[in-house]
C-alpha cells in the first residue's frame, strides 16, 4: 500500500489500539459562555449545532442511552469494534466540575467505550479538569479538541468567539504539557480572511504542540447570524468552490508541521440547512481529490514547513 502524503487520522488511531475504533457523538446538554452572557450572546455567528448532531444525540436522552444507540448505529458495519465517546456539541467543559465528571463517567460505564474525546473552547479549561483527564489516561484514551477557528483576533471578534488567539495558544500549550493529545479546529474561509491569511494560520499553528488538526470549509447555514452578516457585507466573504478549496488545502498541508495528524479536511452540513457552498461531495470523495492533487503536484505535508524564529 502506497504511503499517504499526509498524516491521516486512521493510521494514528491504529498506533494506539489493536482493534477498530469508532467515535460516537454525545450531546451532554452543555451551552457556551458566548451564548449565556458570560462572554456574549448568540454564540458564534456561523454556529447551528444541528449541523453536526446525529439523530441519536438528543439532550433529553441519557448519555448511556446515547452511547447504546450510537453503538447500534455503527455495529452493522463492524460488529467487534470499540468506541470513543465524542463530547461534541457546544462547550463540553463549561459547567461545574462535579457535573462534568459525572457526565464523562456515564459515557465510560459502557465496556465498549475505551476513551473520551472532548470538544471545547480554549477559555473553558481549568487546571482541575486537566488533572482529571491526566489521571483518566491511566485507564482510557483521552484527547482534547479546541475550537481555535482562526489565529486572527479581528476575525475571532467578528464571528463572536469571545476569546483571543493568545488564549488558544495558552490552552494548547498547557494541555499538551500534561501529556494529553491535543487538537485544534480551524475554519478556512472565514470573513475578511484571504488566501495568505489562511496559509499564515498553518505557519502559526505549526509552532504549537498539537497532535491533531481538523479543517473545515466555511459554510453558510440556515438559522445563523453569519447569514445576516453575509447579506449585509457579501464583500467580506469568499465561498470556495471544490477545486479551489482542494488547492487551498494542499497549499495549507505543504506549510503544516509534518508530524501533525490531519483528522479531516471538510465538514458536511445537512442538505436542508446548507445554503452555500453546495459541492455535492462526500467526505471520502473530497479526500480522494486532495490525495490526487498531492500526487499531481508531487508534494506532501510539511514540504514547506519552516520553524519560525
C-alpha atoms as a PDB file:
ATOM      1  CA  UNK A   1       0.000   0.000   0.000  1.00  0.00           C
ATOM      2  CA  UNK A   2       1.377   3.405  -1.011  1.00  0.00           C
ATOM      3  CA  UNK A   3       2.179   5.696   1.913  1.00  0.00           C
ATOM      4  CA  UNK A   4      -0.097   8.707   2.105  1.00  0.00           C
ATOM      5  CA  UNK A   5       1.356  12.142   1.533  1.00  0.00           C
ATOM      6  CA  UNK A   6      -0.130  13.437   4.784  1.00  0.00           C
ATOM      7  CA  UNK A   7      -0.584  12.054   8.301  1.00  0.00           C
ATOM      8  CA  UNK A   8      -4.098  10.633   8.367  1.00  0.00           C
ATOM      9  CA  UNK A   9      -6.177  10.016  11.486  1.00  0.00           C
ATOM     10  CA  UNK A  10      -6.996   6.296  10.932  1.00  0.00           C
ATOM     11  CA  UNK A  11      -3.281   5.486  10.855  1.00  0.00           C
ATOM     12  CA  UNK A  12      -2.773   7.465  14.056  1.00  0.00           C
ATOM     13  CA  UNK A  13      -5.584   5.573  15.818  1.00  0.00           C
ATOM     14  CA  UNK A  14      -4.180   2.216  14.699  1.00  0.00           C
ATOM     15  CA  UNK A  15      -0.936   3.026  16.507  1.00  0.00           C
ATOM     16  CA  UNK A  16      -2.839   3.327  19.796  1.00  0.00           C
ATOM     17  CA  UNK A  17      -5.289   0.427  19.508  1.00  0.00           C
ATOM     18  CA  UNK A  18      -5.174  -3.152  18.290  1.00  0.00           C
ATOM     19  CA  UNK A  19      -8.766  -3.137  17.047  1.00  0.00           C
ATOM     20  CA  UNK A  20     -11.060  -0.917  15.039  1.00  0.00           C
ATOM     21  CA  UNK A  21     -12.166   2.282  16.816  1.00  0.00           C
ATOM     22  CA  UNK A  22     -15.223   4.434  16.039  1.00  0.00           C
ATOM     23  CA  UNK A  23     -16.192   7.795  17.513  1.00  0.00           C
ATOM     24  CA  UNK A  24     -19.717   8.133  18.922  1.00  0.00           C
ATOM     25  CA  UNK A  25     -21.050  11.677  19.290  1.00  0.00           C
ATOM     26  CA  UNK A  26     -22.544  12.586  22.662  1.00  0.00           C
ATOM     27  CA  UNK A  27     -24.738  15.613  23.378  1.00  0.00           C
ATOM     28  CA  UNK A  28     -24.458  16.238  27.105  1.00  0.00           C
ATOM     29  CA  UNK A  29     -26.683  19.324  27.140  1.00  0.00           C
ATOM     30  CA  UNK A  30     -23.976  21.952  27.634  1.00  0.00           C
ATOM     31  CA  UNK A  31     -24.028  25.533  26.390  1.00  0.00           C
ATOM     32  CA  UNK A  32     -21.298  28.145  25.690  1.00  0.00           C
ATOM     33  CA  UNK A  33     -20.142  31.275  27.550  1.00  0.00           C
ATOM     34  CA  UNK A  34     -20.840  33.401  24.483  1.00  0.00           C
ATOM     35  CA  UNK A  35     -24.458  32.243  24.476  1.00  0.00           C
ATOM     36  CA  UNK A  36     -25.403  32.913  28.079  1.00  0.00           C
ATOM     37  CA  UNK A  37     -23.876  36.343  28.622  1.00  0.00           C
ATOM     38  CA  UNK A  38     -20.556  35.480  30.272  1.00  0.00           C
ATOM     39  CA  UNK A  39     -18.679  36.295  27.041  1.00  0.00           C
ATOM     40  CA  UNK A  40     -21.597  37.484  24.927  1.00  0.00           C
ATOM     41  CA  UNK A  41     -24.901  36.382  23.474  1.00  0.00           C
ATOM     42  CA  UNK A  42     -25.992  34.479  20.396  1.00  0.00           C
ATOM     43  CA  UNK A  43     -22.983  32.172  20.138  1.00  0.00           C
ATOM     44  CA  UNK A  44     -20.558  32.065  17.218  1.00  0.00           C
ATOM     45  CA  UNK A  45     -22.091  33.674  14.148  1.00  0.00           C
ATOM     46  CA  UNK A  46     -21.553  30.559  11.994  1.00  0.00           C
ATOM     47  CA  UNK A  47     -22.945  28.068  14.513  1.00  0.00           C
ATOM     48  CA  UNK A  48     -26.051  25.948  14.197  1.00  0.00           C
ATOM     49  CA  UNK A  49     -25.382  22.808  16.226  1.00  0.00           C
ATOM     50  CA  UNK A  50     -27.984  20.877  14.254  1.00  0.00           C
ATOM     51  CA  UNK A  51     -25.351  20.622  11.530  1.00  0.00           C
ATOM     52  CA  UNK A  52     -23.291  18.026  13.412  1.00  0.00           C
ATOM     53  CA  UNK A  53     -25.627  16.296  15.862  1.00  0.00           C
ATOM     54  CA  UNK A  54     -26.623  12.766  14.808  1.00  0.00           C
ATOM     55  CA  UNK A  55     -30.257  11.785  15.410  1.00  0.00           C
ATOM     56  CA  UNK A  56     -29.353   9.657  18.421  1.00  0.00           C
ATOM     57  CA  UNK A  57     -27.763  12.629  20.268  1.00  0.00           C
ATOM     58  CA  UNK A  58     -30.608  14.494  21.936  1.00  0.00           C
ATOM     59  CA  UNK A  59     -30.162  16.200  25.291  1.00  0.00           C
ATOM     60  CA  UNK A  60     -33.242  14.553  26.806  1.00  0.00           C
ATOM     61  CA  UNK A  61     -31.733  11.114  26.137  1.00  0.00           C
ATOM     62  CA  UNK A  62     -29.394   9.928  28.939  1.00  0.00           C
ATOM     63  CA  UNK A  63     -25.742   9.727  27.932  1.00  0.00           C
ATOM     64  CA  UNK A  64     -25.627   5.963  28.475  1.00  0.00           C
ATOM     65  CA  UNK A  65     -28.603   5.523  26.136  1.00  0.00           C
ATOM     66  CA  UNK A  66     -26.982   7.789  23.535  1.00  0.00           C
ATOM     67  CA  UNK A  67     -23.904   5.566  23.679  1.00  0.00           C
ATOM     68  CA  UNK A  68     -26.030   2.418  23.250  1.00  0.00           C
ATOM     69  CA  UNK A  69     -27.886   3.937  20.301  1.00  0.00           C
ATOM     70  CA  UNK A  70     -24.602   5.052  18.735  1.00  0.00           C
ATOM     71  CA  UNK A  71     -23.169   1.547  19.038  1.00  0.00           C
ATOM     72  CA  UNK A  72     -26.299   0.107  17.440  1.00  0.00           C
ATOM     73  CA  UNK A  73     -25.969   2.644  14.616  1.00  0.00           C
ATOM     74  CA  UNK A  74     -22.387   1.624  13.781  1.00  0.00           C
ATOM     75  CA  UNK A  75     -22.462  -2.074  14.718  1.00  0.00           C
ATOM     76  CA  UNK A  76     -23.851  -3.211  11.363  1.00  0.00           C
ATOM     77  CA  UNK A  77     -20.537  -2.218   9.746  1.00  0.00           C
ATOM     78  CA  UNK A  78     -18.125  -3.776  12.243  1.00  0.00           C
ATOM     79  CA  UNK A  79     -19.514  -5.966  15.000  1.00  0.00           C
ATOM     80  CA  UNK A  80     -16.351  -6.140  17.134  1.00  0.00           C
ATOM     81  CA  UNK A  81     -15.103  -2.557  17.158  1.00  0.00           C
ATOM     82  CA  UNK A  82     -14.591  -0.355  20.240  1.00  0.00           C
ATOM     83  CA  UNK A  83     -15.646   3.265  20.662  1.00  0.00           C
ATOM     84  CA  UNK A  84     -14.558   6.722  21.754  1.00  0.00           C
ATOM     85  CA  UNK A  85     -17.247   8.905  23.333  1.00  0.00           C
ATOM     86  CA  UNK A  86     -17.026  12.217  21.478  1.00  0.00           C
ATOM     87  CA  UNK A  87     -18.465  15.092  23.517  1.00  0.00           C
ATOM     88  CA  UNK A  88     -19.075  17.318  20.516  1.00  0.00           C
ATOM     89  CA  UNK A  89     -21.982  19.755  20.830  1.00  0.00           C
ATOM     90  CA  UNK A  90     -21.261  23.182  22.286  1.00  0.00           C
ATOM     91  CA  UNK A  91     -18.607  23.605  25.046  1.00  0.00           C
ATOM     92  CA  UNK A  92     -18.052  20.320  26.846  1.00  0.00           C
ATOM     93  CA  UNK A  93     -16.007  21.655  29.761  1.00  0.00           C
ATOM     94  CA  UNK A  94     -18.388  24.510  30.578  1.00  0.00           C
ATOM     95  CA  UNK A  95     -20.183  23.537  33.781  1.00  0.00           C
ATOM     96  CA  UNK A  96     -19.487  22.778  37.427  1.00  0.00           C
ATOM     97  CA  UNK A  97     -16.654  20.301  37.921  1.00  0.00           C
ATOM     98  CA  UNK A  98     -18.820  17.634  39.581  1.00  0.00           C
ATOM     99  CA  UNK A  99     -21.435  17.871  36.835  1.00  0.00           C
ATOM    100  CA  UNK A 100     -18.805  17.467  34.138  1.00  0.00           C
ATOM    101  CA  UNK A 101     -17.122  14.461  35.760  1.00  0.00           C
ATOM    102  CA  UNK A 102     -20.455  12.705  36.280  1.00  0.00           C
ATOM    103  CA  UNK A 103     -21.260  13.010  32.573  1.00  0.00           C
ATOM    104  CA  UNK A 104     -17.831  11.833  31.426  1.00  0.00           C
ATOM    105  CA  UNK A 105     -18.033   8.840  33.755  1.00  0.00           C
ATOM    106  CA  UNK A 106     -21.503   7.958  32.468  1.00  0.00           C
ATOM    107  CA  UNK A 107     -20.033   7.576  28.991  1.00  0.00           C
ATOM    108  CA  UNK A 108     -17.241   5.363  30.301  1.00  0.00           C
ATOM    109  CA  UNK A 109     -19.552   2.915  32.080  1.00  0.00           C
ATOM    110  CA  UNK A 110     -20.067   1.113  28.770  1.00  0.00           C
ATOM    111  CA  UNK A 111     -17.361  -1.565  28.474  1.00  0.00           C
ATOM    112  CA  UNK A 112     -17.105  -0.926  24.729  1.00  0.00           C
ATOM    113  CA  UNK A 113     -16.086   2.711  25.277  1.00  0.00           C
ATOM    114  CA  UNK A 114     -12.308   2.928  25.560  1.00  0.00           C
ATOM    115  CA  UNK A 115     -11.836   6.666  25.723  1.00  0.00           C
ATOM    116  CA  UNK A 116     -13.059  10.240  25.610  1.00  0.00           C
ATOM    117  CA  UNK A 117     -12.701  12.969  23.012  1.00  0.00           C
ATOM    118  CA  UNK A 118     -13.691  16.330  24.464  1.00  0.00           C
ATOM    119  CA  UNK A 119     -14.541  19.271  22.215  1.00  0.00           C
ATOM    120  CA  UNK A 120     -14.302  22.637  23.958  1.00  0.00           C
ATOM    121  CA  UNK A 121     -13.176  26.261  23.868  1.00  0.00           C
ATOM    122  CA  UNK A 122      -9.675  27.381  24.870  1.00  0.00           C
ATOM    123  CA  UNK A 123     -11.091  29.711  27.536  1.00  0.00           C
ATOM    124  CA  UNK A 124     -13.043  26.920  29.249  1.00  0.00           C
ATOM    125  CA  UNK A 125     -10.378  24.556  30.556  1.00  0.00           C
ATOM    126  CA  UNK A 126      -9.374  24.507  34.228  1.00  0.00           C
ATOM    127  CA  UNK A 127      -6.326  23.059  35.944  1.00  0.00           C
ATOM    128  CA  UNK A 128      -8.640  20.788  37.945  1.00  0.00           C
ATOM    129  CA  UNK A 129     -10.112  19.309  34.785  1.00  0.00           C
ATOM    130  CA  UNK A 130      -6.681  18.813  33.247  1.00  0.00           C
ATOM    131  CA  UNK A 131      -5.658  16.853  36.326  1.00  0.00           C
ATOM    132  CA  UNK A 132      -8.754  14.676  35.954  1.00  0.00           C
ATOM    133  CA  UNK A 133      -8.040  13.991  32.278  1.00  0.00           C
ATOM    134  CA  UNK A 134      -4.397  13.247  33.056  1.00  0.00           C
ATOM    135  CA  UNK A 135      -5.415  10.709  35.698  1.00  0.00           C
ATOM    136  CA  UNK A 136      -8.047   9.168  33.412  1.00  0.00           C
ATOM    137  CA  UNK A 137      -5.357   8.431  30.815  1.00  0.00           C
ATOM    138  CA  UNK A 138      -4.111   5.634  33.063  1.00  0.00           C
ATOM    139  CA  UNK A 139      -7.143   3.548  32.067  1.00  0.00           C
ATOM    140  CA  UNK A 140      -8.583   5.219  28.954  1.00  0.00           C
ATOM    141  CA  UNK A 141      -7.563   7.171  25.882  1.00  0.00           C
ATOM    142  CA  UNK A 142      -8.307  10.895  26.302  1.00  0.00           C
ATOM    143  CA  UNK A 143      -7.895  13.748  23.841  1.00  0.00           C
ATOM    144  CA  UNK A 144      -8.967  17.389  23.949  1.00  0.00           C
ATOM    145  CA  UNK A 145     -10.020  19.309  20.832  1.00  0.00           C
ATOM    146  CA  UNK A 146     -10.042  23.099  20.978  1.00  0.00           C
ATOM    147  CA  UNK A 147     -12.067  25.324  18.684  1.00  0.00           C
ATOM    148  CA  UNK A 148      -9.376  27.752  17.560  1.00  0.00           C
ATOM    149  CA  UNK A 149     -11.121  28.648  14.260  1.00  0.00           C
ATOM    150  CA  UNK A 150      -8.699  31.484  13.398  1.00  0.00           C
ATOM    151  CA  UNK A 151      -5.353  32.873  14.535  1.00  0.00           C
ATOM    152  CA  UNK A 152      -6.539  36.439  13.845  1.00  0.00           C
ATOM    153  CA  UNK A 153      -8.166  38.314  16.716  1.00  0.00           C
ATOM    154  CA  UNK A 154     -10.056  40.606  14.323  1.00  0.00           C
ATOM    155  CA  UNK A 155     -11.726  37.564  12.790  1.00  0.00           C
ATOM    156  CA  UNK A 156     -12.461  35.997  16.184  1.00  0.00           C
ATOM    157  CA  UNK A 157     -14.172  39.212  17.239  1.00  0.00           C
ATOM    158  CA  UNK A 158     -16.219  39.408  14.025  1.00  0.00           C
ATOM    159  CA  UNK A 159     -17.537  35.861  14.430  1.00  0.00           C
ATOM    160  CA  UNK A 160     -18.287  36.423  18.151  1.00  0.00           C
ATOM    161  CA  UNK A 161     -15.962  33.747  19.508  1.00  0.00           C
ATOM    162  CA  UNK A 162     -15.399  35.628  22.761  1.00  0.00           C
ATOM    163  CA  UNK A 163     -11.755  34.594  23.154  1.00  0.00           C
ATOM    164  CA  UNK A 164      -8.415  35.605  21.683  1.00  0.00           C
ATOM    165  CA  UNK A 165      -5.838  33.588  19.788  1.00  0.00           C
ATOM    166  CA  UNK A 166      -3.466  34.033  22.734  1.00  0.00           C
ATOM    167  CA  UNK A 167      -5.965  32.104  24.860  1.00  0.00           C
ATOM    168  CA  UNK A 168      -5.897  29.283  22.298  1.00  0.00           C
ATOM    169  CA  UNK A 169      -2.111  29.159  22.457  1.00  0.00           C
ATOM    170  CA  UNK A 170      -2.123  29.069  26.264  1.00  0.00           C
ATOM    171  CA  UNK A 171      -4.728  26.297  26.470  1.00  0.00           C
ATOM    172  CA  UNK A 172      -2.996  24.138  23.855  1.00  0.00           C
ATOM    173  CA  UNK A 173       0.409  24.508  25.493  1.00  0.00           C
ATOM    174  CA  UNK A 174      -0.926  23.730  28.970  1.00  0.00           C
ATOM    175  CA  UNK A 175      -2.934  20.697  27.795  1.00  0.00           C
ATOM    176  CA  UNK A 176      -0.026  19.249  25.831  1.00  0.00           C
ATOM    177  CA  UNK A 177       2.252  19.789  28.829  1.00  0.00           C
ATOM    178  CA  UNK A 178       0.007  17.354  30.724  1.00  0.00           C
ATOM    179  CA  UNK A 179       0.740  14.703  28.105  1.00  0.00           C
ATOM    180  CA  UNK A 180      -2.795  14.825  26.694  1.00  0.00           C
ATOM    181  CA  UNK A 181      -3.214  14.527  22.903  1.00  0.00           C
ATOM    182  CA  UNK A 182      -4.347  17.993  21.870  1.00  0.00           C
ATOM    183  CA  UNK A 183      -6.255  19.028  18.754  1.00  0.00           C
ATOM    184  CA  UNK A 184      -7.278  22.262  17.052  1.00  0.00           C
ATOM    185  CA  UNK A 185     -10.256  23.029  14.826  1.00  0.00           C
ATOM    186  CA  UNK A 186      -9.811  25.657  12.117  1.00  0.00           C
ATOM    187  CA  UNK A 187     -12.317  27.112   9.653  1.00  0.00           C
ATOM    188  CA  UNK A 188     -10.845  28.021   6.271  1.00  0.00           C
ATOM    189  CA  UNK A 189     -12.522  30.927   4.509  1.00  0.00           C
ATOM    190  CA  UNK A 190     -13.862  32.983   7.405  1.00  0.00           C
ATOM    191  CA  UNK A 191     -14.978  36.556   6.593  1.00  0.00           C
ATOM    192  CA  UNK A 192     -12.208  39.016   5.711  1.00  0.00           C
ATOM    193  CA  UNK A 193      -9.562  36.272   5.513  1.00  0.00           C
ATOM    194  CA  UNK A 194      -7.753  35.850   2.195  1.00  0.00           C
ATOM    195  CA  UNK A 195      -5.502  33.029   0.989  1.00  0.00           C
ATOM    196  CA  UNK A 196      -2.349  34.407   2.629  1.00  0.00           C
ATOM    197  CA  UNK A 197      -4.151  34.886   5.954  1.00  0.00           C
ATOM    198  CA  UNK A 198      -5.281  31.271   5.824  1.00  0.00           C
ATOM    199  CA  UNK A 199      -1.810  29.955   4.994  1.00  0.00           C
ATOM    200  CA  UNK A 200      -0.423  32.011   7.846  1.00  0.00           C
ATOM    201  CA  UNK A 201      -2.749  30.040  10.146  1.00  0.00           C
ATOM    202  CA  UNK A 202      -0.756  26.949   9.143  1.00  0.00           C
ATOM    203  CA  UNK A 203       2.509  28.699   9.987  1.00  0.00           C
ATOM    204  CA  UNK A 204       1.302  29.839  13.412  1.00  0.00           C
ATOM    205  CA  UNK A 205      -0.362  26.567  14.408  1.00  0.00           C
ATOM    206  CA  UNK A 206       2.710  24.618  13.354  1.00  0.00           C
ATOM    207  CA  UNK A 207       4.620  26.222  16.213  1.00  0.00           C
ATOM    208  CA  UNK A 208       2.239  24.742  18.806  1.00  0.00           C
ATOM    209  CA  UNK A 209       2.447  21.291  20.481  1.00  0.00           C
ATOM    210  CA  UNK A 210      -0.584  19.908  18.650  1.00  0.00           C
ATOM    211  CA  UNK A 211      -1.315  16.256  17.981  1.00  0.00           C
ATOM    212  CA  UNK A 212      -4.263  16.622  15.598  1.00  0.00           C
ATOM    213  CA  UNK A 213      -5.898  19.256  13.454  1.00  0.00           C
ATOM    214  CA  UNK A 214      -9.326  19.450  11.843  1.00  0.00           C
ATOM    215  CA  UNK A 215     -10.007  21.710   8.883  1.00  0.00           C
ATOM    216  CA  UNK A 216     -13.486  22.860   7.889  1.00  0.00           C
ATOM    217  CA  UNK A 217     -14.570  24.915   4.910  1.00  0.00           C
ATOM    218  CA  UNK A 218     -16.753  27.908   5.758  1.00  0.00           C
ATOM    219  CA  UNK A 219     -20.394  27.027   5.189  1.00  0.00           C
ATOM    220  CA  UNK A 220     -23.369  29.366   5.242  1.00  0.00           C
ATOM    221  CA  UNK A 221     -26.064  27.611   7.251  1.00  0.00           C
ATOM    222  CA  UNK A 222     -29.693  28.481   7.867  1.00  0.00           C
ATOM    223  CA  UNK A 223     -30.546  29.946  11.253  1.00  0.00           C
ATOM    224  CA  UNK A 224     -27.162  31.570  11.885  1.00  0.00           C
ATOM    225  CA  UNK A 225     -26.074  35.152  12.456  1.00  0.00           C
ATOM    226  CA  UNK A 226     -23.494  34.681   9.713  1.00  0.00           C
ATOM    227  CA  UNK A 227     -26.299  34.684   7.168  1.00  0.00           C
ATOM    228  CA  UNK A 228     -27.173  38.185   8.385  1.00  0.00           C
ATOM    229  CA  UNK A 229     -23.509  39.196   8.154  1.00  0.00           C
ATOM    230  CA  UNK A 230     -23.315  37.808   4.631  1.00  0.00           C
ATOM    231  CA  UNK A 231     -26.383  39.724   3.460  1.00  0.00           C
ATOM    232  CA  UNK A 232     -25.027  42.946   4.928  1.00  0.00           C
ATOM    233  CA  UNK A 233     -21.432  42.595   3.719  1.00  0.00           C
ATOM    234  CA  UNK A 234     -21.060  39.944   0.998  1.00  0.00           C
ATOM    235  CA  UNK A 235     -17.724  41.509   0.025  1.00  0.00           C
ATOM    236  CA  UNK A 236     -16.246  40.164   3.286  1.00  0.00           C
ATOM    237  CA  UNK A 237     -16.808  36.580   2.126  1.00  0.00           C
ATOM    238  CA  UNK A 238     -15.171  34.279  -0.381  1.00  0.00           C
ATOM    239  CA  UNK A 239     -17.025  30.992  -0.749  1.00  0.00           C
ATOM    240  CA  UNK A 240     -14.629  28.487  -2.290  1.00  0.00           C
ATOM    241  CA  UNK A 241     -15.668  26.081  -4.994  1.00  0.00           C
ATOM    242  CA  UNK A 242     -14.499  22.498  -4.530  1.00  0.00           C
ATOM    243  CA  UNK A 243     -11.474  22.591  -6.847  1.00  0.00           C
ATOM    244  CA  UNK A 244     -10.283  25.905  -5.444  1.00  0.00           C
ATOM    245  CA  UNK A 245     -10.608  24.570  -1.908  1.00  0.00           C
ATOM    246  CA  UNK A 246      -8.677  21.414  -2.807  1.00  0.00           C
ATOM    247  CA  UNK A 247      -5.749  23.579  -3.900  1.00  0.00           C
ATOM    248  CA  UNK A 248      -6.041  25.661  -0.741  1.00  0.00           C
ATOM    249  CA  UNK A 249      -5.914  22.515   1.409  1.00  0.00           C
ATOM    250  CA  UNK A 250      -2.839  21.257  -0.437  1.00  0.00           C
ATOM    251  CA  UNK A 251      -1.130  24.642  -0.012  1.00  0.00           C
ATOM    252  CA  UNK A 252      -2.027  24.503   3.693  1.00  0.00           C
ATOM    253  CA  UNK A 253      -0.672  20.967   4.071  1.00  0.00           C
ATOM    254  CA  UNK A 254       2.641  21.933   2.486  1.00  0.00           C
ATOM    255  CA  UNK A 255       3.208  24.520   5.230  1.00  0.00           C
ATOM    256  CA  UNK A 256       1.759  22.490   8.110  1.00  0.00           C
ATOM    257  CA  UNK A 257       4.045  20.777  10.618  1.00  0.00           C
ATOM    258  CA  UNK A 258       4.890  17.342   9.153  1.00  0.00           C
ATOM    259  CA  UNK A 259       4.054  15.491  12.387  1.00  0.00           C
ATOM    260  CA  UNK A 260       0.531  16.853  12.901  1.00  0.00           C
ATOM    261  CA  UNK A 261      -2.251  14.328  12.320  1.00  0.00           C
ATOM    262  CA  UNK A 262      -4.894  15.694   9.940  1.00  0.00           C
ATOM    263  CA  UNK A 263      -8.250  14.364  11.049  1.00  0.00           C
ATOM    264  CA  UNK A 264     -10.426  15.928   8.367  1.00  0.00           C
ATOM    265  CA  UNK A 265     -10.481  18.492   5.560  1.00  0.00           C
ATOM    266  CA  UNK A 266     -14.176  19.397   5.324  1.00  0.00           C
ATOM    267  CA  UNK A 267     -17.413  19.393   7.263  1.00  0.00           C
ATOM    268  CA  UNK A 268     -20.777  18.294   5.887  1.00  0.00           C
ATOM    269  CA  UNK A 269     -23.903  20.154   6.961  1.00  0.00           C
ATOM    270  CA  UNK A 270     -27.318  18.552   6.411  1.00  0.00           C
ATOM    271  CA  UNK A 271     -28.712  19.400   2.997  1.00  0.00           C
ATOM    272  CA  UNK A 272     -31.814  21.037   4.471  1.00  0.00           C
ATOM    273  CA  UNK A 273     -29.645  23.505   6.434  1.00  0.00           C
ATOM    274  CA  UNK A 274     -26.819  24.207   3.979  1.00  0.00           C
ATOM    275  CA  UNK A 275     -27.091  27.295   1.795  1.00  0.00           C
ATOM    276  CA  UNK A 276     -23.589  27.537   0.312  1.00  0.00           C
ATOM    277  CA  UNK A 277     -21.210  26.288  -0.928  1.00  0.00           C
ATOM    278  CA  UNK A 278     -23.000  23.208  -2.218  1.00  0.00           C
ATOM    279  CA  UNK A 279     -20.365  20.851  -3.600  1.00  0.00           C
ATOM    280  CA  UNK A 280     -22.303  17.591  -3.603  1.00  0.00           C
ATOM    281  CA  UNK A 281     -19.235  15.695  -2.365  1.00  0.00           C
ATOM    282  CA  UNK A 282     -18.982  13.096   0.379  1.00  0.00           C
ATOM    283  CA  UNK A 283     -16.025  13.262   2.733  1.00  0.00           C
ATOM    284  CA  UNK A 284     -14.250  10.278   1.144  1.00  0.00           C
ATOM    285  CA  UNK A 285     -14.709  11.824  -2.310  1.00  0.00           C
ATOM    286  CA  UNK A 286     -13.079  15.053  -1.187  1.00  0.00           C
ATOM    287  CA  UNK A 287     -10.211  13.167   0.462  1.00  0.00           C
ATOM    288  CA  UNK A 288      -9.631  11.345  -2.827  1.00  0.00           C
ATOM    289  CA  UNK A 289      -9.388  14.694  -4.637  1.00  0.00           C
ATOM    290  CA  UNK A 290      -6.843  16.007  -2.129  1.00  0.00           C
ATOM    291  CA  UNK A 291      -4.733  12.863  -2.443  1.00  0.00           C
ATOM    292  CA  UNK A 292      -4.865  13.082  -6.235  1.00  0.00           C
ATOM    293  CA  UNK A 293      -3.805  16.742  -6.183  1.00  0.00           C
ATOM    294  CA  UNK A 294      -0.931  15.994  -3.808  1.00  0.00           C
ATOM    295  CA  UNK A 295       0.255  13.328  -6.228  1.00  0.00           C
ATOM    296  CA  UNK A 296      -0.176  15.576  -9.274  1.00  0.00           C
ATOM    297  CA  UNK A 297       1.896  18.280  -7.625  1.00  0.00           C
ATOM    298  CA  UNK A 298       4.365  15.733  -6.241  1.00  0.00           C
ATOM    299  CA  UNK A 299       4.116  17.336  -2.823  1.00  0.00           C
ATOM    300  CA  UNK A 300       3.344  16.330   0.747  1.00  0.00           C
ATOM    301  CA  UNK A 301       2.529  17.611   4.230  1.00  0.00           C
ATOM    302  CA  UNK A 302       5.311  19.721   5.670  1.00  0.00           C
ATOM    303  CA  UNK A 303       7.284  20.172   2.439  1.00  0.00           C
ATOM    304  CA  UNK A 304       7.438  23.935   3.001  1.00  0.00           C
ATOM    305  CA  UNK A 305       7.334  23.851   6.790  1.00  0.00           C
ATOM    306  CA  UNK A 306       9.783  26.256   8.406  1.00  0.00           C
ATOM    307  CA  UNK A 307      10.363  26.850  12.084  1.00  0.00           C
ATOM    308  CA  UNK A 308       9.514  30.441  12.994  1.00  0.00           C
ATOM    309  CA  UNK A 309      12.255  32.245  14.906  1.00  0.00           C
END
